[in-house]
Amino acid sequence: MVFAGILIIIGAVFLLKNLGIVSAEAWGLIWPSALIVMGAYMLWKKHQWNMWKDRVWRKLE
């Protein structure tokens, strides 16, 4: 679900760039920011998974 949303956002940015609404300078700022956001999201999801896994194992012990 998240991957689909990311693809939609990337497609929208490319469309805006082709229509001349987003300049090349803005694109130079957007794509590194998108990578940072995606990396932070992956770290957050990993943290959530570890918290859930720890709770389950504590209950099973």
C-alpha atoms as a PDB file:
ATOM      1  CA  MET A   1       0.000   0.000   0.000  1.00  0.00           C
ATOM      2  CA  VAL A   2       2.791   2.401   0.880  1.00  0.00           C
ATOM      3  CA  PHE A   3       4.730   1.453  -2.251  1.00  0.00           C
ATOM      4  CA  ALA A   4       1.702   2.298  -4.398  1.00  0.00           C
ATOM      5  CA  GLY A   5       1.419   5.692  -2.723  1.00  0.00           C
ATOM      6  CA  ILE A   6       5.091   6.382  -3.346  1.00  0.00           C
ATOM      7  CA  LEU A   7       4.701   5.507  -7.021  1.00  0.00           C
ATOM      8  CA  ILE A   8       1.706   7.832  -7.320  1.00  0.00           C
ATOM      9  CA  ILE A   9       3.632  10.698  -5.740  1.00  0.00           C
ATOM     10  CA  ILE A  10       6.645  10.127  -7.995  1.00  0.00           C
ATOM     11  CA  GLY A  11       4.381  10.022 -11.047  1.00  0.00           C
ATOM     12  CA  ALA A  12       2.654  13.227  -9.990  1.00  0.00           C
ATOM     13  CA  VAL A  13       5.989  14.997  -9.548  1.00  0.00           C
ATOM     14  CA  PHE A  14       7.151  13.869 -13.004  1.00  0.00           C
ATOM     15  CA  LEU A  15       3.869  15.087 -14.487  1.00  0.00           C
ATOM     16  CA  LEU A  16       4.195  18.464 -12.775  1.00  0.00           C
ATOM     17  CA  LYS A  17       7.778  18.731 -14.049  1.00  0.00           C
ATOM     18  CA  ASN A  18       6.719  17.926 -17.626  1.00  0.00           C
ATOM     19  CA  LEU A  19       3.915  20.497 -17.437  1.00  0.00           C
ATOM     20  CA  GLY A  20       6.402  23.125 -16.280  1.00  0.00           C
ATOM     21  CA  ILE A  21       4.781  23.586 -12.881  1.00  0.00           C
ATOM     22  CA  VAL A  22       7.775  22.181 -10.969  1.00  0.00           C
ATOM     23  CA  SER A  23      11.161  23.525 -12.068  1.00  0.00           C
ATOM     24  CA  ALA A  24      14.381  21.534 -12.327  1.00  0.00           C
ATOM     25  CA  GLU A  25      15.703  23.290  -9.217  1.00  0.00           C
ATOM     26  CA  ALA A  26      12.700  22.149  -7.215  1.00  0.00           C
ATOM     27  CA  TRP A  27      13.163  18.588  -8.497  1.00  0.00           C
ATOM     28  CA  GLY A  28      16.738  18.717  -7.161  1.00  0.00           C
ATOM     29  CA  LEU A  29      15.273  19.405  -3.730  1.00  0.00           C
ATOM     30  CA  ILE A  30      12.334  16.994  -3.930  1.00  0.00           C
ATOM     31  CA  TRP A  31      14.055  13.700  -4.726  1.00  0.00           C
ATOM     32  CA  PRO A  32      16.660  13.780  -1.898  1.00  0.00           C
ATOM     33  CA  SER A  33      13.908  14.778   0.522  1.00  0.00           C
ATOM     34  CA  ALA A  34      11.787  11.866  -0.683  1.00  0.00           C
ATOM     35  CA  LEU A  35      14.685   9.461  -0.076  1.00  0.00           C
ATOM     36  CA  ILE A  36      15.121  10.791   3.460  1.00  0.00           C
ATOM     37  CA  VAL A  37      11.407  10.423   4.196  1.00  0.00           C
ATOM     38  CA  MET A  38      11.333   6.868   2.809  1.00  0.00           C
ATOM     39  CA  GLY A  39      14.386   5.908   4.879  1.00  0.00           C
ATOM     40  CA  ALA A  40      12.869   7.366   8.041  1.00  0.00           C
ATOM     41  CA  TYR A  41       9.640   5.488   7.357  1.00  0.00           C
ATOM     42  CA  MET A  42      11.520   2.194   6.939  1.00  0.00           C
ATOM     43  CA  LEU A  43      13.363   2.751  10.225  1.00  0.00           C
ATOM     44  CA  TRP A  44      10.103   3.565  12.005  1.00  0.00           C
ATOM     45  CA  LYS A  45       8.393   0.428  10.668  1.00  0.00           C
ATOM     46  CA  LYS A  46      11.387  -1.700  11.745  1.00  0.00           C
ATOM     47  CA  HIS A  47      11.172  -0.183  15.231  1.00  0.00           C
ATOM     48  CA  GLN A  48       7.447  -0.940  15.424  1.00  0.00           C
ATOM     49  CA  TRP A  49       8.060  -4.556  14.334  1.00  0.00           C
ATOM     50  CA  ASN A  50      10.755  -5.036  16.998  1.00  0.00           C
ATOM     51  CA  MET A  51       8.479  -3.636  19.718  1.00  0.00           C
ATOM     52  CA  TRP A  52       5.675  -6.002  18.694  1.00  0.00           C
ATOM     53  CA  LYS A  53       8.033  -8.988  18.484  1.00  0.00           C
ATOM     54  CA  ASP A  54       9.456  -8.265  21.962  1.00  0.00           C
ATOM     55  CA  ARG A  55       5.966  -8.075  23.481  1.00  0.00           C
ATOM     56  CA  VAL A  56       4.949 -11.390  21.954  1.00  0.00           C
ATOM     57  CA  TRP A  57       8.104 -13.175  23.102  1.00  0.00           C
ATOM     58  CA  ARG A  58       7.731 -11.841  26.650  1.00  0.00           C
ATOM     59  CA  LYS A  59       4.214 -13.256  26.809  1.00  0.00           C
ATOM     60  CA  LEU A  60       5.359 -16.628  25.491  1.00  0.00           C
ATOM     61  CA  GLU A  61       8.160 -17.024  28.039  1.00  0.00           C
END
